[in-house]
């Protein structure tokens, strides 16, 4: 069965998500960039970790609000879990084989909103184009005003 694009009425098909699917969802958000974390592929917002693919290639470690984490752990333990390593941190582990694309997109956007610039959030809420990404370490170009 072919996948449906995110945003459709039914979200994604029930086929397991891949890292490529996760990137497509994440890179649709302003200020998100592909990177690495602990030697694994990751997505970051303004240099801060949003999520990463764990070494097993089947699980995401994702930043999340602790209240949301506790709710997800209690209501859907087949999809969301944690280990001692992540206890006390605002993170949750997500089984790619179990999570639906529409649900992951919603969780990613919630986490993104805690990390993105106010400007990027306002632009997204207005439906405007996202602010241009700046290459890290490069100074911003200043316009010269006529004197």
N, C-alpha and C. Protein backbone atom coordinates (compact mmCIF):
# COMPACT_ATOMS: atom_id res chain seq x y z
N UNK A 1 0.84 -1.17 0.00
CA UNK A 1 0.00 0.00 0.00
C UNK A 1 0.89 1.24 0.00
N UNK A 2 0.69 2.20 -0.91
CA UNK A 2 1.53 3.39 -0.94
C UNK A 2 1.25 4.29 0.26
N UNK A 3 2.27 5.00 0.64
CA UNK A 3 2.13 5.95 1.74
C UNK A 3 1.33 7.16 1.29
N UNK A 4 0.61 7.72 2.21
CA UNK A 4 -0.06 8.99 1.94
C UNK A 4 0.84 10.09 2.46
N UNK A 5 0.80 11.23 1.84
CA UNK A 5 1.63 12.34 2.27
C UNK A 5 1.14 12.89 3.60
N UNK A 6 2.08 13.44 4.42
CA UNK A 6 1.65 14.05 5.66
C UNK A 6 0.64 15.15 5.37
N UNK A 7 -0.27 15.32 6.28
CA UNK A 7 -1.25 16.38 6.13
C UNK A 7 -2.54 15.88 5.49
N UNK A 8 -2.52 14.67 4.92
CA UNK A 8 -3.73 14.11 4.36
C UNK A 8 -4.69 13.75 5.48
N UNK A 9 -5.91 13.46 5.13
CA UNK A 9 -6.91 13.18 6.17
C UNK A 9 -6.52 12.00 7.03
N UNK A 10 -5.88 11.01 6.45
CA UNK A 10 -5.55 9.83 7.25
C UNK A 10 -4.08 9.81 7.68
N UNK A 11 -3.32 10.87 7.42
CA UNK A 11 -1.91 10.88 7.81
C UNK A 11 -1.13 9.91 6.94
N UNK A 12 -0.28 9.12 7.54
CA UNK A 12 0.54 8.16 6.82
C UNK A 12 -0.13 6.80 6.88
N UNK A 13 0.31 5.93 6.01
CA UNK A 13 -0.18 4.55 6.07
C UNK A 13 0.39 3.90 7.33
N UNK A 14 0.01 2.68 7.57
CA UNK A 14 0.49 2.00 8.77
C UNK A 14 1.87 1.38 8.58
N UNK A 15 2.50 1.55 7.41
CA UNK A 15 3.85 1.03 7.20
C UNK A 15 4.80 1.73 8.17
N UNK A 16 5.80 1.01 8.68
CA UNK A 16 6.74 1.63 9.63
C UNK A 16 7.43 2.85 9.01
N UNK A 17 7.66 3.85 9.82
CA UNK A 17 8.38 5.03 9.37
C UNK A 17 9.86 4.73 9.24
N UNK A 18 10.52 5.42 8.35
CA UNK A 18 11.97 5.32 8.19
C UNK A 18 12.60 6.64 8.63
N UNK A 19 13.92 6.64 8.74
CA UNK A 19 14.62 7.89 9.07
C UNK A 19 14.32 8.94 8.01
N UNK A 20 14.22 8.53 6.77
CA UNK A 20 13.89 9.46 5.68
C UNK A 20 12.53 10.12 5.91
N UNK A 21 11.55 9.35 6.37
CA UNK A 21 10.23 9.90 6.70
C UNK A 21 10.33 10.92 7.83
N UNK A 22 11.10 10.58 8.85
CA UNK A 22 11.29 11.47 10.00
C UNK A 22 11.92 12.78 9.54
N UNK A 23 12.93 12.69 8.67
CA UNK A 23 13.57 13.90 8.16
C UNK A 23 12.59 14.76 7.37
N UNK A 24 11.77 14.13 6.55
CA UNK A 24 10.79 14.88 5.77
C UNK A 24 9.85 15.65 6.69
N UNK A 25 9.42 15.03 7.76
CA UNK A 25 8.54 15.71 8.72
C UNK A 25 9.27 16.85 9.43
N UNK A 26 10.48 16.58 9.90
CA UNK A 26 11.23 17.57 10.66
C UNK A 26 11.71 18.74 9.83
N UNK A 27 12.20 18.47 8.64
CA UNK A 27 12.75 19.54 7.81
C UNK A 27 11.67 20.46 7.25
N UNK A 28 10.41 20.08 7.40
CA UNK A 28 9.31 20.95 7.01
C UNK A 28 9.13 22.09 8.02
N UNK A 29 9.77 21.98 9.18
CA UNK A 29 9.69 23.01 10.21
C UNK A 29 10.85 23.99 10.05
N UNK A 30 10.60 25.28 10.21
CA UNK A 30 11.68 26.27 10.10
C UNK A 30 12.77 26.02 11.13
N UNK A 31 13.99 26.36 10.75
CA UNK A 31 15.18 26.31 11.61
C UNK A 31 15.62 24.89 11.97
N UNK A 32 15.05 23.86 11.35
CA UNK A 32 15.46 22.48 11.61
C UNK A 32 16.52 22.09 10.58
N UNK A 33 17.58 21.46 11.06
CA UNK A 33 18.67 21.03 10.19
C UNK A 33 19.07 19.61 10.53
N UNK A 34 19.52 18.88 9.51
CA UNK A 34 20.08 17.55 9.75
C UNK A 34 21.46 17.72 10.35
N UNK A 35 21.80 16.83 11.25
CA UNK A 35 23.09 16.89 11.92
C UNK A 35 23.42 15.48 12.42
N UNK A 36 24.32 15.40 13.38
CA UNK A 36 24.62 14.14 14.05
C UNK A 36 24.65 14.40 15.55
N UNK A 37 24.42 13.34 16.31
CA UNK A 37 24.50 13.40 17.76
C UNK A 37 24.93 12.02 18.24
N UNK A 38 25.98 11.96 18.99
CA UNK A 38 26.53 10.69 19.47
C UNK A 38 26.78 9.73 18.31
N UNK A 39 27.22 10.28 17.18
CA UNK A 39 27.57 9.47 16.03
C UNK A 39 26.37 8.94 15.24
N UNK A 40 25.18 9.42 15.55
CA UNK A 40 23.99 8.96 14.83
C UNK A 40 23.31 10.16 14.17
N UNK A 41 22.51 9.91 13.12
CA UNK A 41 21.80 11.01 12.47
C UNK A 41 20.84 11.69 13.44
N UNK A 42 20.72 13.01 13.29
CA UNK A 42 19.82 13.75 14.18
C UNK A 42 19.22 14.93 13.44
N UNK A 43 18.22 15.51 14.07
CA UNK A 43 17.63 16.77 13.64
C UNK A 43 17.80 17.75 14.80
N UNK A 44 18.24 18.95 14.47
CA UNK A 44 18.45 19.97 15.49
C UNK A 44 17.72 21.25 15.10
N UNK A 45 17.34 21.99 16.12
CA UNK A 45 16.71 23.29 15.96
C UNK A 45 17.68 24.32 16.51
N UNK A 46 18.20 25.16 15.64
CA UNK A 46 19.15 26.19 16.06
C UNK A 46 20.29 25.60 16.88
N UNK A 47 20.78 24.43 16.45
CA UNK A 47 21.91 23.78 17.10
C UNK A 47 21.55 22.92 18.30
N UNK A 48 20.29 22.89 18.70
CA UNK A 48 19.86 22.10 19.86
C UNK A 48 19.14 20.85 19.39
N UNK A 49 19.42 19.75 20.05
CA UNK A 49 18.87 18.46 19.65
C UNK A 49 17.35 18.41 19.76
N UNK A 50 16.70 18.08 18.66
CA UNK A 50 15.26 17.82 18.64
C UNK A 50 15.03 16.32 18.78
N UNK A 51 15.73 15.56 17.96
CA UNK A 51 15.64 14.10 18.04
C UNK A 51 16.83 13.48 17.33
N UNK A 52 17.08 12.22 17.64
CA UNK A 52 18.14 11.49 16.96
C UNK A 52 17.72 10.05 16.77
N UNK A 53 18.29 9.42 15.77
CA UNK A 53 18.09 8.00 15.54
C UNK A 53 19.07 7.25 16.43
N UNK A 54 18.57 6.34 17.22
CA UNK A 54 19.46 5.58 18.10
C UNK A 54 20.25 4.56 17.30
N UNK A 55 21.24 3.99 17.93
CA UNK A 55 22.16 3.07 17.28
C UNK A 55 21.47 1.86 16.67
N UNK A 56 20.32 1.46 17.18
CA UNK A 56 19.62 0.29 16.64
C UNK A 56 18.95 0.58 15.29
N UNK A 57 18.86 1.86 14.90
CA UNK A 57 18.26 2.24 13.63
C UNK A 57 16.75 2.11 13.59
N UNK A 58 16.13 1.78 14.73
CA UNK A 58 14.69 1.56 14.78
C UNK A 58 13.98 2.40 15.84
N UNK A 59 14.76 3.20 16.57
CA UNK A 59 14.22 3.95 17.69
C UNK A 59 14.70 5.39 17.63
N UNK A 60 13.81 6.32 17.95
CA UNK A 60 14.18 7.72 18.07
C UNK A 60 14.31 8.08 19.53
N UNK A 61 15.28 8.90 19.84
CA UNK A 61 15.35 9.58 21.14
C UNK A 61 14.93 11.00 20.85
N UNK A 62 13.86 11.44 21.48
CA UNK A 62 13.24 12.71 21.13
C UNK A 62 13.03 13.59 22.34
N UNK A 63 13.34 14.87 22.18
CA UNK A 63 13.07 15.85 23.24
C UNK A 63 11.57 16.04 23.34
N UNK A 64 11.06 16.09 24.57
CA UNK A 64 9.62 16.23 24.77
C UNK A 64 9.36 16.85 26.13
N UNK A 65 8.25 17.54 26.25
CA UNK A 65 7.85 18.10 27.53
C UNK A 65 7.62 16.95 28.51
N UNK A 66 8.14 17.05 29.74
CA UNK A 66 7.99 15.95 30.70
C UNK A 66 6.55 15.53 30.97
N UNK A 67 5.61 16.47 30.98
CA UNK A 67 4.20 16.10 31.20
C UNK A 67 3.67 15.28 30.04
N UNK A 68 4.05 15.66 28.81
CA UNK A 68 3.64 14.89 27.63
C UNK A 68 4.28 13.50 27.67
N UNK A 69 5.54 13.44 28.08
CA UNK A 69 6.23 12.16 28.16
C UNK A 69 5.51 11.21 29.11
N UNK A 70 5.16 11.70 30.29
CA UNK A 70 4.51 10.85 31.27
C UNK A 70 3.16 10.34 30.75
N UNK A 71 2.42 11.20 30.05
CA UNK A 71 1.14 10.80 29.47
C UNK A 71 1.34 9.72 28.41
N UNK A 72 2.30 9.91 27.51
CA UNK A 72 2.55 8.94 26.43
C UNK A 72 3.03 7.60 26.98
N UNK A 73 3.87 7.63 28.00
CA UNK A 73 4.35 6.39 28.60
C UNK A 73 3.20 5.61 29.24
N UNK A 74 2.26 6.33 29.83
CA UNK A 74 1.14 5.68 30.51
C UNK A 74 0.09 5.17 29.53
N UNK A 75 -0.11 5.89 28.42
CA UNK A 75 -1.21 5.54 27.51
C UNK A 75 -0.80 4.71 26.30
N UNK A 76 0.49 4.70 25.94
CA UNK A 76 0.91 3.98 24.75
C UNK A 76 2.31 3.38 24.92
N UNK A 77 2.48 2.45 25.86
CA UNK A 77 3.81 1.90 26.13
C UNK A 77 4.36 1.02 25.01
N UNK A 78 3.53 0.60 24.07
CA UNK A 78 4.04 -0.18 22.93
C UNK A 78 4.82 0.70 21.96
N UNK A 79 4.49 1.98 21.94
CA UNK A 79 5.15 2.91 21.02
C UNK A 79 6.21 3.75 21.72
N UNK A 80 5.92 4.19 22.94
CA UNK A 80 6.80 5.10 23.67
C UNK A 80 7.34 4.42 24.91
N UNK A 81 8.62 4.62 25.16
CA UNK A 81 9.24 4.03 26.35
C UNK A 81 10.44 4.87 26.75
N UNK A 82 11.08 4.48 27.83
CA UNK A 82 12.28 5.17 28.28
C UNK A 82 13.22 4.13 28.88
N UNK A 83 14.42 4.54 29.16
CA UNK A 83 15.39 3.69 29.84
C UNK A 83 15.96 4.52 31.00
N UNK A 84 16.72 3.88 31.85
CA UNK A 84 17.32 4.59 32.98
C UNK A 84 18.17 5.77 32.51
N UNK A 85 18.81 5.62 31.36
CA UNK A 85 19.67 6.68 30.82
C UNK A 85 18.89 7.99 30.61
N UNK A 86 17.63 7.89 30.21
CA UNK A 86 16.83 9.08 29.91
C UNK A 86 15.96 9.55 31.06
N UNK A 87 15.95 8.83 32.17
CA UNK A 87 15.14 9.26 33.32
C UNK A 87 15.65 10.61 33.82
N UNK A 88 14.71 11.50 34.10
CA UNK A 88 15.08 12.82 34.58
C UNK A 88 15.39 13.82 33.48
N UNK A 89 15.35 13.39 32.23
CA UNK A 89 15.61 14.27 31.10
C UNK A 89 14.31 14.46 30.32
N UNK A 90 14.16 15.60 29.66
CA UNK A 90 12.95 15.83 28.87
C UNK A 90 13.03 15.09 27.52
N UNK A 91 13.01 13.77 27.59
CA UNK A 91 13.17 12.95 26.39
C UNK A 91 12.31 11.69 26.50
N UNK A 92 12.00 11.15 25.33
CA UNK A 92 11.25 9.89 25.26
C UNK A 92 11.82 9.09 24.10
N UNK A 93 11.70 7.79 24.19
CA UNK A 93 12.12 6.90 23.10
C UNK A 93 10.88 6.48 22.32
N UNK A 94 11.01 6.47 20.99
CA UNK A 94 9.88 6.22 20.10
C UNK A 94 10.23 5.08 19.16
N UNK A 95 9.40 4.05 19.14
CA UNK A 95 9.59 2.93 18.20
C UNK A 95 9.04 3.33 16.83
N UNK A 96 9.93 3.44 15.85
CA UNK A 96 9.50 3.83 14.50
C UNK A 96 8.51 2.84 13.91
N UNK A 97 8.61 1.59 14.30
CA UNK A 97 7.72 0.57 13.75
C UNK A 97 6.28 0.72 14.26
N UNK A 98 6.09 1.51 15.31
CA UNK A 98 4.77 1.61 15.93
C UNK A 98 4.12 3.00 15.80
N UNK A 99 4.91 4.05 15.65
CA UNK A 99 4.35 5.40 15.66
C UNK A 99 3.77 5.74 14.29
N UNK A 100 2.67 6.47 14.29
CA UNK A 100 2.04 6.96 13.06
C UNK A 100 2.68 8.31 12.69
N UNK A 101 2.80 8.54 11.40
CA UNK A 101 3.42 9.78 10.93
C UNK A 101 2.74 11.02 11.44
N UNK A 102 1.40 11.03 11.42
CA UNK A 102 0.66 12.21 11.88
C UNK A 102 0.92 12.47 13.36
N UNK A 103 1.01 11.42 14.16
CA UNK A 103 1.27 11.58 15.59
C UNK A 103 2.68 12.10 15.83
N UNK A 104 3.65 11.53 15.11
CA UNK A 104 5.03 11.97 15.26
C UNK A 104 5.17 13.42 14.83
N UNK A 105 4.52 13.81 13.74
CA UNK A 105 4.57 15.19 13.27
C UNK A 105 4.05 16.15 14.36
N UNK A 106 2.96 15.78 15.00
CA UNK A 106 2.39 16.61 16.06
C UNK A 106 3.36 16.73 17.24
N UNK A 107 3.96 15.62 17.65
CA UNK A 107 4.91 15.65 18.75
C UNK A 107 6.14 16.48 18.41
N UNK A 108 6.62 16.34 17.16
CA UNK A 108 7.79 17.09 16.73
C UNK A 108 7.50 18.59 16.73
N UNK A 109 6.32 18.97 16.26
CA UNK A 109 6.00 20.40 16.23
C UNK A 109 5.87 20.95 17.65
N UNK A 110 5.28 20.19 18.56
CA UNK A 110 5.19 20.65 19.95
C UNK A 110 6.59 20.89 20.52
N UNK A 111 7.50 19.96 20.30
CA UNK A 111 8.86 20.11 20.81
C UNK A 111 9.57 21.26 20.11
N UNK A 112 9.37 21.37 18.80
CA UNK A 112 9.98 22.45 18.02
C UNK A 112 9.57 23.81 18.57
N UNK A 113 8.33 23.96 18.97
CA UNK A 113 7.83 25.24 19.47
C UNK A 113 8.55 25.68 20.75
N UNK A 114 9.11 24.75 21.50
CA UNK A 114 9.87 25.10 22.71
C UNK A 114 11.31 25.50 22.38
N UNK A 115 11.74 25.24 21.14
CA UNK A 115 13.14 25.46 20.78
C UNK A 115 13.34 26.52 19.69
N UNK A 116 12.34 26.72 18.87
CA UNK A 116 12.47 27.64 17.74
C UNK A 116 12.43 29.09 18.20
N UNK A 117 12.89 29.97 17.33
CA UNK A 117 12.84 31.40 17.63
C UNK A 117 11.39 31.88 17.58
N UNK A 118 11.11 32.92 18.32
CA UNK A 118 9.77 33.50 18.30
C UNK A 118 9.39 33.94 16.89
N UNK A 119 10.35 34.42 16.18
CA UNK A 119 10.13 34.87 14.80
C UNK A 119 9.68 33.72 13.90
N UNK A 120 10.35 32.58 14.02
CA UNK A 120 10.01 31.41 13.20
C UNK A 120 8.62 30.88 13.58
N UNK A 121 8.31 30.87 14.86
CA UNK A 121 7.00 30.40 15.31
C UNK A 121 5.91 31.32 14.78
N UNK A 122 6.13 32.62 14.90
CA UNK A 122 5.13 33.59 14.42
C UNK A 122 4.93 33.44 12.91
N UNK A 123 6.01 33.26 12.17
CA UNK A 123 5.90 33.10 10.71
C UNK A 123 5.12 31.84 10.37
N UNK A 124 5.39 30.76 11.09
CA UNK A 124 4.66 29.52 10.83
C UNK A 124 3.18 29.67 11.15
N UNK A 125 2.89 30.34 12.25
CA UNK A 125 1.50 30.53 12.65
C UNK A 125 0.73 31.42 11.66
N UNK A 126 1.45 32.34 11.03
CA UNK A 126 0.82 33.19 10.01
C UNK A 126 0.73 32.49 8.67
N UNK A 127 1.41 31.36 8.53
CA UNK A 127 1.44 30.66 7.25
C UNK A 127 2.43 31.27 6.29
N UNK A 128 3.30 32.14 6.80
CA UNK A 128 4.30 32.80 5.97
C UNK A 128 5.48 31.87 5.73
N UNK A 129 6.31 32.25 4.80
CA UNK A 129 7.53 31.50 4.55
C UNK A 129 8.41 31.59 5.79
N UNK A 130 9.14 30.52 6.10
CA UNK A 130 10.01 30.56 7.26
C UNK A 130 11.17 31.51 7.04
N UNK A 131 11.72 32.05 8.13
CA UNK A 131 12.90 32.90 7.99
C UNK A 131 14.03 32.12 7.33
N UNK A 132 14.85 32.80 6.58
CA UNK A 132 15.98 32.14 5.92
C UNK A 132 16.91 31.56 6.96
N UNK A 133 17.44 30.38 6.67
CA UNK A 133 18.40 29.76 7.58
C UNK A 133 19.74 30.43 7.40
N UNK A 134 20.43 30.62 8.50
CA UNK A 134 21.75 31.23 8.46
C UNK A 134 22.77 30.12 8.66
N UNK A 135 23.84 30.17 7.90
CA UNK A 135 24.90 29.19 8.05
C UNK A 135 25.65 29.52 9.33
N UNK A 136 25.80 28.54 10.19
CA UNK A 136 26.46 28.76 11.48
C UNK A 136 27.85 29.33 11.28
N UNK A 137 28.20 30.31 12.09
CA UNK A 137 29.53 30.88 12.05
C UNK A 137 29.68 32.02 11.05
N UNK A 138 28.71 32.21 10.19
CA UNK A 138 28.80 33.30 9.21
C UNK A 138 28.11 34.53 9.75
N UNK A 139 28.77 35.68 9.63
CA UNK A 139 28.09 36.90 10.07
C UNK A 139 26.94 37.23 9.14
N UNK A 140 25.96 37.89 9.66
CA UNK A 140 24.82 38.30 8.84
C UNK A 140 25.24 39.44 7.93
N UNK A 141 24.72 39.44 6.73
CA UNK A 141 24.99 40.52 5.80
C UNK A 141 24.14 41.72 6.22
N UNK A 142 24.76 42.86 6.32
CA UNK A 142 24.04 44.07 6.70
C UNK A 142 23.82 44.91 5.45
N UNK A 143 22.64 45.45 5.33
CA UNK A 143 22.39 46.31 4.18
C UNK A 143 23.02 47.67 4.46
N UNK A 144 23.48 48.27 3.40
CA UNK A 144 24.08 49.60 3.54
C UNK A 144 23.04 50.63 3.18
N UNK A 145 22.86 51.54 4.05
CA UNK A 145 21.90 52.61 3.80
C UNK A 145 22.60 53.77 3.08
N UNK A 146 21.85 54.39 2.22
CA UNK A 146 22.40 55.58 1.56
C UNK A 146 22.53 56.69 2.58
N UNK A 147 23.64 57.36 2.53
CA UNK A 147 23.86 58.43 3.51
C UNK A 147 23.54 59.76 2.94
